C-alpha cells in the first residue's frame, strides 16, 4: 500500500520555503509530542527550551516569535483596511439601518452588514495567510503566521479555522471585545504567544524582519 498522503489532504507543500526540515532521526517537533513519544504536551508556562534547545522544541529553526504589540498594530491596520471596504459595500447596497426614537436618530448594524463584515474579514485573512502567511498589516510590520509543528505556511483549511474563530464573534456579537480577548491572549500566553485563534488552528506568529 502506498505511503503517500492522499491528494488534497491539506498538508503544507514540500517546496514551502518556510517549512522546517528536522534533522534525521528527529520527529516533526510538534508541541504535542513528548521527547519519549508519550504524546504529552510540554508543561504550560514552562521553558520551551528546557534549559537548552530541546530536540523536539517546535520553535527550533523558526524565527523569533513576534512581539504582541506589533501584532496588535498589524491587526488594527487590517481592521481599518477591510473596514473601509465593509463600510462602502454596506452603503452601496443600503444594508445599514436607522432607528428613530423621538428626536434621536441612531445608526445600528443590520444582520446583512454583519454578514458582509464576517465574509470579507474571513476571506481577507484566509486568502492572504494561506498564500504567504501574511496579511497586509503583518507584511508591512515584518511578521507572518506559521504552523507550530513545522513552521510552514498554513493551509487554506487551517487558516479558515483561524479566521473563523477570530472574525465570526467579532462580526455578529462581540465586536472589538472579542478581538481584544482573542488577540490579547498572546500577551499572556506562554511559551508560544498564541491568541485564541492561534490555539484553535495550532499556529504561531513569527517575526521575519
N, C-alpha and C. Protein backbone atom coordinates (compact mmCIF):
# COMPACT_ATOMS: atom_id res chain seq x y z
N UNK A 1 0.85 -1.20 0.00
CA UNK A 1 0.00 0.00 0.00
C UNK A 1 0.88 1.24 0.00
N UNK A 2 0.52 2.21 -0.79
CA UNK A 2 1.34 3.42 -0.90
C UNK A 2 1.31 4.20 0.39
N UNK A 3 2.44 4.77 0.77
CA UNK A 3 2.51 5.59 1.99
C UNK A 3 2.34 7.05 1.70
N UNK A 4 2.12 7.40 0.41
CA UNK A 4 1.95 8.80 0.06
C UNK A 4 0.64 9.33 0.60
N UNK A 5 0.60 10.59 1.12
CA UNK A 5 -0.66 11.16 1.61
C UNK A 5 -1.61 11.37 0.46
N UNK A 6 -2.93 11.24 0.71
CA UNK A 6 -3.91 11.42 -0.36
C UNK A 6 -3.91 12.84 -0.86
N UNK A 7 -4.22 13.03 -2.16
CA UNK A 7 -4.29 14.40 -2.71
C UNK A 7 -5.30 15.23 -1.95
N UNK A 8 -4.98 16.52 -1.79
CA UNK A 8 -5.93 17.44 -1.13
C UNK A 8 -6.02 17.25 0.35
N UNK A 9 -5.00 16.62 0.96
CA UNK A 9 -5.05 16.35 2.39
C UNK A 9 -4.87 17.60 3.22
N UNK A 10 -4.49 18.72 2.59
CA UNK A 10 -4.37 19.97 3.33
C UNK A 10 -3.02 20.19 3.96
N UNK A 11 -2.07 19.28 3.77
CA UNK A 11 -0.75 19.44 4.34
C UNK A 11 0.05 20.48 3.58
N UNK A 12 1.10 21.01 4.21
CA UNK A 12 1.92 22.03 3.55
C UNK A 12 2.68 21.45 2.39
N UNK A 13 2.86 22.18 1.31
CA UNK A 13 3.62 21.67 0.17
C UNK A 13 5.08 21.47 0.54
N UNK A 14 5.70 20.47 -0.11
CA UNK A 14 7.09 20.15 0.22
C UNK A 14 8.05 21.28 -0.15
N UNK A 15 7.66 22.12 -1.13
CA UNK A 15 8.56 23.19 -1.55
C UNK A 15 8.29 24.50 -0.82
N UNK A 16 7.53 24.44 0.27
CA UNK A 16 7.26 25.64 1.07
C UNK A 16 8.59 26.15 1.63
N UNK A 17 8.94 27.39 1.32
CA UNK A 17 10.21 27.95 1.74
C UNK A 17 10.35 28.03 3.25
N UNK A 18 9.23 28.09 3.95
CA UNK A 18 9.28 28.26 5.40
C UNK A 18 9.18 26.94 6.14
N UNK A 19 8.96 25.85 5.42
CA UNK A 19 8.80 24.56 6.08
C UNK A 19 10.10 24.13 6.73
N UNK A 20 10.04 23.76 8.00
CA UNK A 20 11.24 23.31 8.69
C UNK A 20 11.58 21.90 8.24
N UNK A 21 12.87 21.62 8.13
CA UNK A 21 13.34 20.29 7.80
C UNK A 21 14.11 19.75 9.00
N UNK A 22 13.46 18.95 9.86
CA UNK A 22 14.16 18.46 11.06
C UNK A 22 15.29 17.52 10.69
N UNK A 23 16.35 17.52 11.48
CA UNK A 23 17.46 16.61 11.21
C UNK A 23 17.00 15.16 11.24
N UNK A 24 17.72 14.26 10.54
CA UNK A 24 17.35 12.84 10.54
C UNK A 24 17.29 12.29 11.95
N UNK A 25 16.29 11.47 12.19
CA UNK A 25 16.14 10.84 13.50
C UNK A 25 15.28 11.63 14.45
N UNK A 26 14.90 12.87 14.08
CA UNK A 26 14.03 13.67 14.93
C UNK A 26 12.64 13.67 14.36
N UNK A 27 11.67 13.88 15.23
CA UNK A 27 10.29 13.92 14.80
C UNK A 27 9.95 15.25 14.19
N UNK A 28 8.64 15.49 14.07
CA UNK A 28 8.17 16.71 13.43
C UNK A 28 8.35 17.92 14.31
N UNK A 29 8.64 17.68 15.62
CA UNK A 29 8.80 18.81 16.52
C UNK A 29 7.48 19.37 16.99
N UNK A 30 6.42 18.56 16.93
CA UNK A 30 5.12 19.05 17.38
C UNK A 30 5.14 19.28 18.87
N UNK A 31 4.54 20.37 19.36
CA UNK A 31 4.49 20.61 20.80
C UNK A 31 3.63 19.59 21.51
N UNK A 32 2.90 18.77 20.74
CA UNK A 32 2.02 17.78 21.32
C UNK A 32 2.70 16.42 21.43
N UNK A 33 3.99 16.35 21.04
CA UNK A 33 4.77 15.13 21.16
C UNK A 33 5.74 15.26 22.31
N UNK A 34 5.86 14.23 23.09
CA UNK A 34 6.84 14.22 24.19
C UNK A 34 8.15 13.68 23.66
N UNK A 35 9.28 13.99 24.35
CA UNK A 35 10.58 13.50 23.89
C UNK A 35 10.62 12.00 23.73
N UNK A 36 9.93 11.27 24.61
CA UNK A 36 9.94 9.82 24.52
C UNK A 36 8.82 9.26 23.70
N UNK A 37 8.07 10.11 22.99
CA UNK A 37 6.96 9.62 22.16
C UNK A 37 5.69 9.39 22.95
N UNK A 38 5.61 9.90 24.19
CA UNK A 38 4.44 9.65 25.01
C UNK A 38 3.26 10.49 24.65
N UNK A 39 3.42 11.51 23.81
CA UNK A 39 2.30 12.31 23.37
C UNK A 39 1.85 13.34 24.37
N UNK A 40 2.66 13.64 25.39
CA UNK A 40 2.28 14.63 26.40
C UNK A 40 2.81 15.99 26.01
N UNK A 41 2.02 17.05 26.12
CA UNK A 41 2.49 18.39 25.79
C UNK A 41 3.47 18.90 26.81
N UNK A 42 4.27 19.90 26.45
CA UNK A 42 5.20 20.48 27.43
C UNK A 42 4.43 21.19 28.52
N UNK A 43 4.98 21.29 29.72
CA UNK A 43 4.27 21.97 30.82
C UNK A 43 3.90 23.38 30.43
N UNK A 44 2.65 23.75 30.66
CA UNK A 44 2.19 25.09 30.31
C UNK A 44 2.95 26.12 31.13
N UNK A 45 3.47 27.12 30.45
CA UNK A 45 4.20 28.18 31.13
C UNK A 45 5.66 27.85 31.38
N UNK A 46 6.08 26.62 30.98
CA UNK A 46 7.46 26.24 31.21
C UNK A 46 8.38 26.75 30.12
N UNK A 47 9.66 26.58 30.35
CA UNK A 47 10.65 26.99 29.37
C UNK A 47 10.58 26.07 28.16
N UNK A 48 10.27 26.60 26.96
CA UNK A 48 10.14 25.73 25.80
C UNK A 48 11.46 25.08 25.42
N UNK A 49 12.56 25.60 25.94
CA UNK A 49 13.85 25.03 25.61
C UNK A 49 14.39 24.10 26.70
N UNK A 50 13.69 24.05 27.84
CA UNK A 50 14.09 23.14 28.90
C UNK A 50 15.51 23.34 29.39
N UNK A 51 15.95 24.62 29.43
CA UNK A 51 17.30 24.90 29.88
C UNK A 51 18.32 24.78 28.77
N UNK A 52 17.89 24.49 27.60
CA UNK A 52 18.75 24.33 26.44
C UNK A 52 17.83 24.02 25.27
N UNK A 53 18.30 24.03 24.05
CA UNK A 53 17.42 23.82 22.92
C UNK A 53 17.03 22.35 22.86
N UNK A 54 15.79 22.06 23.17
CA UNK A 54 15.30 20.69 23.23
C UNK A 54 15.13 20.16 21.81
N UNK A 55 15.45 18.87 21.59
CA UNK A 55 15.35 18.35 20.24
C UNK A 55 13.94 18.41 19.65
N UNK A 56 12.90 18.39 20.50
CA UNK A 56 11.55 18.43 19.97
C UNK A 56 10.90 19.80 20.15
N UNK A 57 11.67 20.80 20.43
CA UNK A 57 11.13 22.15 20.56
C UNK A 57 10.57 22.59 19.21
N UNK A 58 9.25 22.90 19.11
CA UNK A 58 8.68 23.27 17.82
C UNK A 58 9.18 24.60 17.29
N UNK A 59 9.78 25.42 18.17
CA UNK A 59 10.28 26.71 17.72
C UNK A 59 11.71 26.63 17.19
N UNK A 60 12.35 25.48 17.36
CA UNK A 60 13.72 25.33 16.87
C UNK A 60 13.75 25.50 15.36
N UNK A 61 14.64 26.38 14.89
CA UNK A 61 14.76 26.61 13.47
C UNK A 61 13.81 27.67 12.93
N UNK A 62 12.91 28.17 13.76
CA UNK A 62 11.98 29.22 13.35
C UNK A 62 12.52 30.58 13.76
N UNK A 63 12.10 31.64 13.07
CA UNK A 63 12.43 32.99 13.55
C UNK A 63 11.80 33.22 14.92
N UNK A 64 12.23 34.25 15.62
CA UNK A 64 11.65 34.52 16.95
C UNK A 64 10.17 34.86 16.85
N UNK A 65 9.45 34.57 17.92
CA UNK A 65 8.03 34.91 17.97
C UNK A 65 7.85 36.42 17.89
N UNK A 66 6.80 36.84 17.20
CA UNK A 66 6.54 38.26 17.01
C UNK A 66 6.09 38.90 18.31
N UNK A 67 6.46 40.14 18.50
CA UNK A 67 6.03 40.91 19.66
C UNK A 67 4.53 41.14 19.61
N UNK A 68 3.86 40.96 20.73
CA UNK A 68 2.40 41.09 20.78
C UNK A 68 1.93 42.50 20.44
N UNK A 69 2.72 43.51 20.81
CA UNK A 69 2.35 44.87 20.47
C UNK A 69 2.34 45.11 18.97
N UNK A 70 3.32 44.56 18.26
CA UNK A 70 3.35 44.69 16.81
C UNK A 70 2.19 43.92 16.18
N UNK A 71 1.85 42.77 16.78
CA UNK A 71 0.70 42.02 16.28
C UNK A 71 -0.58 42.84 16.40
N UNK A 72 -0.72 43.53 17.51
CA UNK A 72 -1.91 44.36 17.71
C UNK A 72 -1.96 45.47 16.68
N UNK A 73 -0.84 46.12 16.42
CA UNK A 73 -0.80 47.19 15.43
C UNK A 73 -1.13 46.66 14.03
N UNK A 74 -0.60 45.48 13.69
CA UNK A 74 -0.92 44.88 12.39
C UNK A 74 -2.41 44.58 12.29
N UNK A 75 -3.00 44.11 13.38
CA UNK A 75 -4.44 43.81 13.36
C UNK A 75 -5.26 45.08 13.18
N UNK A 76 -4.84 46.16 13.82
CA UNK A 76 -5.55 47.43 13.65
C UNK A 76 -5.48 47.89 12.19
N UNK A 77 -4.31 47.74 11.57
CA UNK A 77 -4.18 48.11 10.16
C UNK A 77 -5.14 47.29 9.30
N UNK A 78 -5.20 45.99 9.54
CA UNK A 78 -6.11 45.13 8.77
C UNK A 78 -7.57 45.49 9.03
N UNK A 79 -7.89 45.80 10.28
CA UNK A 79 -9.26 46.21 10.61
C UNK A 79 -9.66 47.45 9.82
N UNK A 80 -8.76 48.41 9.75
CA UNK A 80 -9.07 49.65 9.03
C UNK A 80 -9.22 49.40 7.54
N UNK A 81 -8.31 48.62 6.96
CA UNK A 81 -8.36 48.37 5.52
C UNK A 81 -9.65 47.65 5.11
N UNK A 82 -9.97 46.57 5.81
CA UNK A 82 -11.18 45.83 5.46
C UNK A 82 -12.42 46.60 5.90
N UNK A 83 -12.33 47.32 7.01
CA UNK A 83 -13.47 48.08 7.49
C UNK A 83 -13.93 49.14 6.49
N UNK A 84 -12.97 49.74 5.79
CA UNK A 84 -13.34 50.73 4.76
C UNK A 84 -14.16 50.06 3.67
N UNK A 85 -13.73 48.86 3.25
CA UNK A 85 -14.47 48.14 2.21
C UNK A 85 -15.86 47.75 2.71
N UNK A 86 -15.94 47.28 3.95
CA UNK A 86 -17.24 46.92 4.53
C UNK A 86 -18.17 48.13 4.54
N UNK A 87 -17.65 49.26 4.98
CA UNK A 87 -18.48 50.48 5.05
C UNK A 87 -18.98 50.89 3.68
N UNK A 88 -18.11 50.83 2.68
CA UNK A 88 -18.51 51.20 1.32
C UNK A 88 -19.58 50.26 0.77
N UNK A 89 -19.40 48.96 1.01
CA UNK A 89 -20.37 47.99 0.49
C UNK A 89 -21.72 48.11 1.19
N UNK A 90 -21.70 48.32 2.50
CA UNK A 90 -22.98 48.41 3.21
C UNK A 90 -23.76 49.66 2.79
N UNK A 91 -23.07 50.73 2.46
CA UNK A 91 -23.76 51.91 1.96
C UNK A 91 -24.20 51.71 0.51
N UNK A 92 -23.37 51.07 -0.27
CA UNK A 92 -23.72 50.85 -1.68
C UNK A 92 -24.96 49.96 -1.82
N UNK A 93 -25.07 48.95 -0.95
CA UNK A 93 -26.20 48.03 -1.03
C UNK A 93 -27.31 48.39 -0.05
N UNK A 94 -27.14 49.51 0.66
CA UNK A 94 -28.18 50.02 1.55
C UNK A 94 -28.62 48.99 2.59
N UNK A 95 -27.63 48.37 3.26
CA UNK A 95 -27.96 47.36 4.26
C UNK A 95 -27.79 47.89 5.69
N UNK A 96 -27.53 49.19 5.84
CA UNK A 96 -27.47 49.78 7.16
C UNK A 96 -28.90 50.07 7.63
N UNK A 97 -29.04 50.34 8.92
CA UNK A 97 -30.36 50.61 9.48
C UNK A 97 -30.31 51.89 10.31
N UNK A 98 -31.44 52.55 10.37
CA UNK A 98 -31.59 53.73 11.23
C UNK A 98 -32.72 53.46 12.22
N UNK A 99 -32.51 53.81 13.45
CA UNK A 99 -33.55 53.72 14.48
C UNK A 99 -33.94 55.12 14.90
N UNK A 100 -35.22 55.41 14.80
CA UNK A 100 -35.71 56.72 15.19
C UNK A 100 -36.45 56.59 16.51
N UNK A 101 -36.00 57.30 17.53
CA UNK A 101 -36.61 57.26 18.84
C UNK A 101 -36.82 58.70 19.31
N UNK A 102 -38.05 59.17 19.14
CA UNK A 102 -38.33 60.55 19.48
C UNK A 102 -37.57 61.48 18.55
N UNK A 103 -36.75 62.33 19.14
CA UNK A 103 -35.95 63.25 18.35
C UNK A 103 -34.55 62.71 18.05
N UNK A 104 -34.30 61.47 18.46
CA UNK A 104 -32.97 60.89 18.28
C UNK A 104 -32.94 59.96 17.06
N UNK A 105 -31.90 60.09 16.27
CA UNK A 105 -31.69 59.24 15.11
C UNK A 105 -30.38 58.50 15.33
N UNK A 106 -30.44 57.17 15.44
CA UNK A 106 -29.24 56.40 15.71
C UNK A 106 -29.03 55.35 14.65
N UNK A 107 -27.76 55.00 14.44
CA UNK A 107 -27.36 54.03 13.42
C UNK A 107 -27.03 52.70 14.09
N UNK A 108 -27.57 51.62 13.56
CA UNK A 108 -27.25 50.30 14.08
C UNK A 108 -26.89 49.38 12.92
N UNK A 109 -26.12 48.36 13.24
CA UNK A 109 -25.76 47.40 12.22
C UNK A 109 -26.92 46.44 11.96
N UNK A 110 -27.15 46.11 10.72
CA UNK A 110 -28.11 45.09 10.37
C UNK A 110 -27.41 43.74 10.27
N UNK A 111 -28.21 42.68 10.20
CA UNK A 111 -27.64 41.35 10.04
C UNK A 111 -26.84 41.27 8.74
N UNK A 112 -27.37 41.89 7.68
CA UNK A 112 -26.67 41.85 6.39
C UNK A 112 -25.31 42.52 6.48
N UNK A 113 -25.23 43.62 7.21
CA UNK A 113 -23.95 44.31 7.38
C UNK A 113 -22.97 43.42 8.14
N UNK A 114 -23.45 42.73 9.18
CA UNK A 114 -22.60 41.83 9.93
C UNK A 114 -22.12 40.68 9.06
N UNK A 115 -23.02 40.18 8.20
CA UNK A 115 -22.66 39.08 7.31
C UNK A 115 -21.58 39.51 6.32
N UNK A 116 -21.74 40.70 5.76
CA UNK A 116 -20.73 41.23 4.83
C UNK A 116 -19.39 41.37 5.53
N UNK A 117 -19.41 41.90 6.75
CA UNK A 117 -18.17 42.07 7.50
C UNK A 117 -17.49 40.73 7.77
N UNK A 118 -18.28 39.73 8.20
CA UNK A 118 -17.71 38.41 8.50
C UNK A 118 -17.09 37.79 7.26
N UNK A 119 -17.80 37.84 6.14
CA UNK A 119 -17.31 37.23 4.91
C UNK A 119 -16.03 37.91 4.44
N UNK A 120 -16.01 39.24 4.48
CA UNK A 120 -14.83 39.97 4.00
C UNK A 120 -13.62 39.77 4.90
N UNK A 121 -13.81 39.84 6.20
CA UNK A 121 -12.68 39.66 7.11
C UNK A 121 -12.13 38.23 7.02
N UNK A 122 -13.02 37.24 7.01
CA UNK A 122 -12.57 35.85 6.92
C UNK A 122 -11.89 35.60 5.58
N UNK A 123 -12.50 36.11 4.49
CA UNK A 123 -11.90 35.93 3.17
C UNK A 123 -10.55 36.60 3.05
N UNK A 124 -10.43 37.79 3.61
CA UNK A 124 -9.17 38.54 3.58
C UNK A 124 -8.06 37.76 4.28
N UNK A 125 -8.33 37.34 5.51
CA UNK A 125 -7.33 36.60 6.27
C UNK A 125 -7.00 35.26 5.60
N UNK A 126 -8.04 34.53 5.21
CA UNK A 126 -7.82 33.19 4.68
C UNK A 126 -7.03 33.22 3.38
N UNK A 127 -7.38 34.11 2.48
CA UNK A 127 -6.71 34.17 1.19
C UNK A 127 -5.24 34.57 1.34
N UNK A 128 -4.98 35.63 2.07
CA UNK A 128 -3.61 36.14 2.16
C UNK A 128 -2.71 35.24 3.00
N UNK A 129 -3.22 34.79 4.14
CA UNK A 129 -2.37 33.98 5.02
C UNK A 129 -2.08 32.62 4.42
N UNK A 130 -3.05 32.01 3.73
CA UNK A 130 -2.80 30.71 3.12
C UNK A 130 -1.85 30.80 1.93
N UNK A 131 -1.69 32.00 1.37
CA UNK A 131 -0.75 32.19 0.26
C UNK A 131 0.68 32.46 0.74
N UNK A 132 0.80 33.33 1.73
CA UNK A 132 2.15 33.75 2.13
C UNK A 132 2.36 33.80 3.64
N UNK A 133 1.30 33.55 4.41
CA UNK A 133 1.40 33.67 5.86
C UNK A 133 1.24 35.09 6.36
N UNK A 134 0.91 36.03 5.45
CA UNK A 134 0.89 37.44 5.84
C UNK A 134 -0.36 38.15 5.32
N UNK A 135 -1.02 38.88 6.21
CA UNK A 135 -1.96 39.91 5.77
C UNK A 135 -1.13 41.14 5.43
N UNK A 136 -1.77 42.18 4.92
CA UNK A 136 -1.03 43.40 4.61
C UNK A 136 -0.40 44.01 5.86
N UNK A 137 -1.16 44.02 6.95
CA UNK A 137 -0.63 44.56 8.19
C UNK A 137 0.60 43.80 8.66
N UNK A 138 0.54 42.48 8.61
CA UNK A 138 1.68 41.67 9.03
C UNK A 138 2.86 41.85 8.08
N UNK A 139 2.57 41.95 6.79
CA UNK A 139 3.65 42.13 5.83
C UNK A 139 4.38 43.45 6.07
N UNK A 140 3.63 44.52 6.29
CA UNK A 140 4.24 45.83 6.50
C UNK A 140 5.04 45.90 7.79
N UNK A 141 4.66 45.08 8.77
CA UNK A 141 5.36 45.11 10.06
C UNK A 141 6.32 43.93 10.24
N UNK A 142 6.55 43.16 9.18
CA UNK A 142 7.57 42.12 9.23
C UNK A 142 7.23 40.91 10.07
N UNK A 143 6.03 40.35 9.86
CA UNK A 143 5.60 39.16 10.59
C UNK A 143 4.92 38.20 9.63
N UNK A 144 4.79 36.96 10.06
CA UNK A 144 3.99 36.01 9.30
C UNK A 144 3.42 34.95 10.24
N UNK A 145 2.35 34.31 9.79
CA UNK A 145 1.73 33.20 10.52
C UNK A 145 2.38 31.90 10.05
N UNK A 146 2.68 31.01 10.99
CA UNK A 146 3.32 29.73 10.66
C UNK A 146 2.65 28.60 11.42
N UNK A 147 2.65 27.41 10.83
CA UNK A 147 2.21 26.22 11.56
C UNK A 147 3.18 25.97 12.70
N UNK A 148 2.64 25.70 13.88
CA UNK A 148 3.50 25.49 15.04
C UNK A 148 4.35 24.24 14.91
N UNK A 149 3.84 23.20 14.27
CA UNK A 149 4.56 21.94 14.26
C UNK A 149 5.72 21.90 13.28
N UNK A 150 5.67 22.70 12.19
CA UNK A 150 6.75 22.60 11.21
C UNK A 150 7.17 23.93 10.58
N UNK A 151 6.54 25.03 10.99
CA UNK A 151 6.96 26.33 10.51
C UNK A 151 6.49 26.70 9.12
N UNK A 152 5.70 25.83 8.48
CA UNK A 152 5.27 26.11 7.11
C UNK A 152 4.09 27.08 7.08
N UNK A 153 3.79 27.57 5.89
CA UNK A 153 2.64 28.44 5.70
C UNK A 153 1.37 27.63 5.91
N UNK A 154 0.42 28.11 6.72
CA UNK A 154 -0.80 27.34 6.98
C UNK A 154 -1.60 27.07 5.71
N UNK A 155 -2.27 25.93 5.68
CA UNK A 155 -3.13 25.58 4.57
C UNK A 155 -4.41 26.41 4.60
N UNK A 156 -5.19 26.31 3.54
CA UNK A 156 -6.46 27.02 3.49
C UNK A 156 -7.36 26.57 4.63
N UNK A 157 -7.42 25.25 4.88
CA UNK A 157 -8.28 24.74 5.94
C UNK A 157 -7.87 25.27 7.31
N UNK A 158 -6.55 25.26 7.57
CA UNK A 158 -6.05 25.76 8.85
C UNK A 158 -6.34 27.25 9.00
N UNK A 159 -6.10 28.00 7.93
CA UNK A 159 -6.31 29.45 8.00
C UNK A 159 -7.79 29.78 8.14
N UNK A 160 -8.65 28.98 7.52
CA UNK A 160 -10.09 29.21 7.63
C UNK A 160 -10.55 29.03 9.08
N UNK A 161 -10.03 28.03 9.75
CA UNK A 161 -10.36 27.83 11.17
C UNK A 161 -9.89 29.02 11.99
N UNK A 162 -8.66 29.43 11.76
CA UNK A 162 -8.09 30.56 12.49
C UNK A 162 -8.91 31.82 12.27
N UNK A 163 -9.27 32.09 11.03
CA UNK A 163 -10.00 33.30 10.69
C UNK A 163 -11.42 33.27 11.24
N UNK A 164 -12.07 32.10 11.17
CA UNK A 164 -13.45 32.00 11.65
C UNK A 164 -13.53 32.23 13.15
N UNK A 165 -12.59 31.66 13.90
CA UNK A 165 -12.58 31.85 15.36
C UNK A 165 -12.41 33.32 15.70
N UNK A 166 -11.61 34.03 14.92
CA UNK A 166 -11.36 35.44 15.21
C UNK A 166 -12.50 36.34 14.77
N UNK A 167 -13.05 36.09 13.57
CA UNK A 167 -13.93 37.10 12.97
C UNK A 167 -15.43 36.85 13.10
N UNK A 168 -15.88 35.61 13.27
CA UNK A 168 -17.33 35.39 13.40
C UNK A 168 -17.88 36.05 14.66
N UNK A 169 -17.27 35.84 15.84
CA UNK A 169 -17.77 36.57 17.02
C UNK A 169 -17.64 38.08 16.86
N UNK A 170 -16.56 38.53 16.23
CA UNK A 170 -16.36 39.97 16.01
C UNK A 170 -17.51 40.56 15.21
N UNK A 171 -17.93 39.89 14.14
CA UNK A 171 -18.93 40.45 13.24
C UNK A 171 -20.35 40.39 13.81
N UNK A 172 -20.66 39.34 14.57
CA UNK A 172 -22.05 39.12 14.93
C UNK A 172 -22.42 39.46 16.37
N UNK A 173 -21.46 39.50 17.27
CA UNK A 173 -21.90 39.74 18.64
C UNK A 173 -20.95 40.57 19.49
N UNK A 174 -19.66 40.31 19.40
CA UNK A 174 -18.75 40.85 20.42
C UNK A 174 -17.85 41.97 19.93
N UNK A 175 -17.81 42.17 18.63
CA UNK A 175 -17.02 43.24 18.02
C UNK A 175 -15.62 43.32 18.63
N UNK A 176 -15.23 44.52 19.01
CA UNK A 176 -13.84 44.73 19.44
C UNK A 176 -13.52 44.02 20.76
N UNK A 177 -14.55 43.69 21.54
CA UNK A 177 -14.30 42.99 22.80
C UNK A 177 -13.68 41.63 22.52
N UNK A 178 -14.28 40.88 21.56
CA UNK A 178 -13.75 39.57 21.24
C UNK A 178 -12.36 39.67 20.61
N UNK A 179 -12.16 40.65 19.74
CA UNK A 179 -10.85 40.83 19.11
C UNK A 179 -9.79 41.09 20.18
N UNK A 180 -10.15 41.90 21.18
CA UNK A 180 -9.21 42.20 22.26
C UNK A 180 -8.91 40.95 23.09
N UNK A 181 -9.93 40.13 23.33
CA UNK A 181 -9.71 38.91 24.13
C UNK A 181 -8.89 37.90 23.34
N UNK A 182 -9.32 37.63 22.11
CA UNK A 182 -8.65 36.61 21.31
C UNK A 182 -7.21 37.00 20.97
N UNK A 183 -7.04 38.23 20.47
CA UNK A 183 -5.69 38.68 20.15
C UNK A 183 -4.87 39.00 21.38
N UNK A 184 -5.52 39.56 22.39
CA UNK A 184 -4.80 39.93 23.60
C UNK A 184 -4.29 38.75 24.40
N UNK A 185 -4.84 37.57 24.12
CA UNK A 185 -4.39 36.37 24.81
C UNK A 185 -2.89 36.15 24.59
N UNK A 186 -2.38 36.62 23.45
CA UNK A 186 -0.96 36.40 23.13
C UNK A 186 -0.04 37.16 24.09
N UNK A 187 -0.55 38.20 24.74
CA UNK A 187 0.28 38.96 25.68
C UNK A 187 0.63 38.12 26.92
N UNK A 188 -0.21 37.14 27.24
CA UNK A 188 -0.04 36.38 28.47
C UNK A 188 0.29 34.91 28.22
N UNK A 189 0.06 34.44 27.00
CA UNK A 189 0.26 33.03 26.71
C UNK A 189 1.74 32.69 26.69
N UNK A 190 2.08 31.55 27.30
CA UNK A 190 3.44 31.04 27.29
C UNK A 190 3.38 29.54 26.97
N UNK A 191 4.33 29.01 26.21
CA UNK A 191 5.52 29.70 25.71
C UNK A 191 5.41 30.21 24.27
N UNK A 192 4.23 30.08 23.64
CA UNK A 192 4.14 30.33 22.19
C UNK A 192 3.47 31.65 21.80
N UNK A 193 3.04 32.44 22.77
CA UNK A 193 2.41 33.74 22.49
C UNK A 193 1.25 33.60 21.49
N UNK A 194 0.39 32.62 21.73
CA UNK A 194 -0.73 32.38 20.83
C UNK A 194 -1.97 33.14 21.27
N UNK A 195 -2.69 33.70 20.29
CA UNK A 195 -4.04 34.16 20.55
C UNK A 195 -4.96 32.95 20.56
N UNK A 196 -6.21 33.14 20.96
CA UNK A 196 -7.15 32.02 20.99
C UNK A 196 -7.35 31.43 19.60
N UNK A 197 -7.33 32.30 18.57
CA UNK A 197 -7.48 31.81 17.21
C UNK A 197 -6.24 31.02 16.78
N UNK A 198 -5.06 31.37 17.29
CA UNK A 198 -3.86 30.58 17.03
C UNK A 198 -3.96 29.20 17.67
N UNK A 199 -4.48 29.15 18.89
CA UNK A 199 -4.62 27.88 19.57
C UNK A 199 -5.57 26.96 18.82
N UNK A 200 -6.67 27.53 18.31
CA UNK A 200 -7.64 26.72 17.57
C UNK A 200 -7.02 26.13 16.31
N UNK A 201 -6.14 26.88 15.67
CA UNK A 201 -5.54 26.45 14.41
C UNK A 201 -4.14 25.85 14.57
N UNK A 202 -3.59 25.88 15.79
CA UNK A 202 -2.23 25.39 16.07
C UNK A 202 -1.21 26.16 15.21
N UNK A 203 -1.28 27.48 15.31
CA UNK A 203 -0.35 28.34 14.60
C UNK A 203 0.35 29.28 15.57
N UNK A 204 1.41 29.91 15.09
CA UNK A 204 2.09 30.97 15.83
C UNK A 204 2.38 32.10 14.85
N UNK A 205 2.71 33.27 15.40
CA UNK A 205 3.11 34.41 14.57
C UNK A 205 4.57 34.71 14.87
N UNK A 206 5.40 34.70 13.82
CA UNK A 206 6.84 34.91 13.99
C UNK A 206 7.29 36.18 13.28
N UNK A 207 8.40 36.70 13.74
CA UNK A 207 8.99 37.89 13.14
C UNK A 207 9.92 37.49 12.01
N UNK A 208 9.86 38.25 10.90
CA UNK A 208 10.77 37.97 9.78
C UNK A 208 11.58 39.21 9.42
N UNK A 209 11.50 40.24 10.23
CA UNK A 209 12.24 41.47 9.93
C UNK A 209 13.56 41.50 10.69
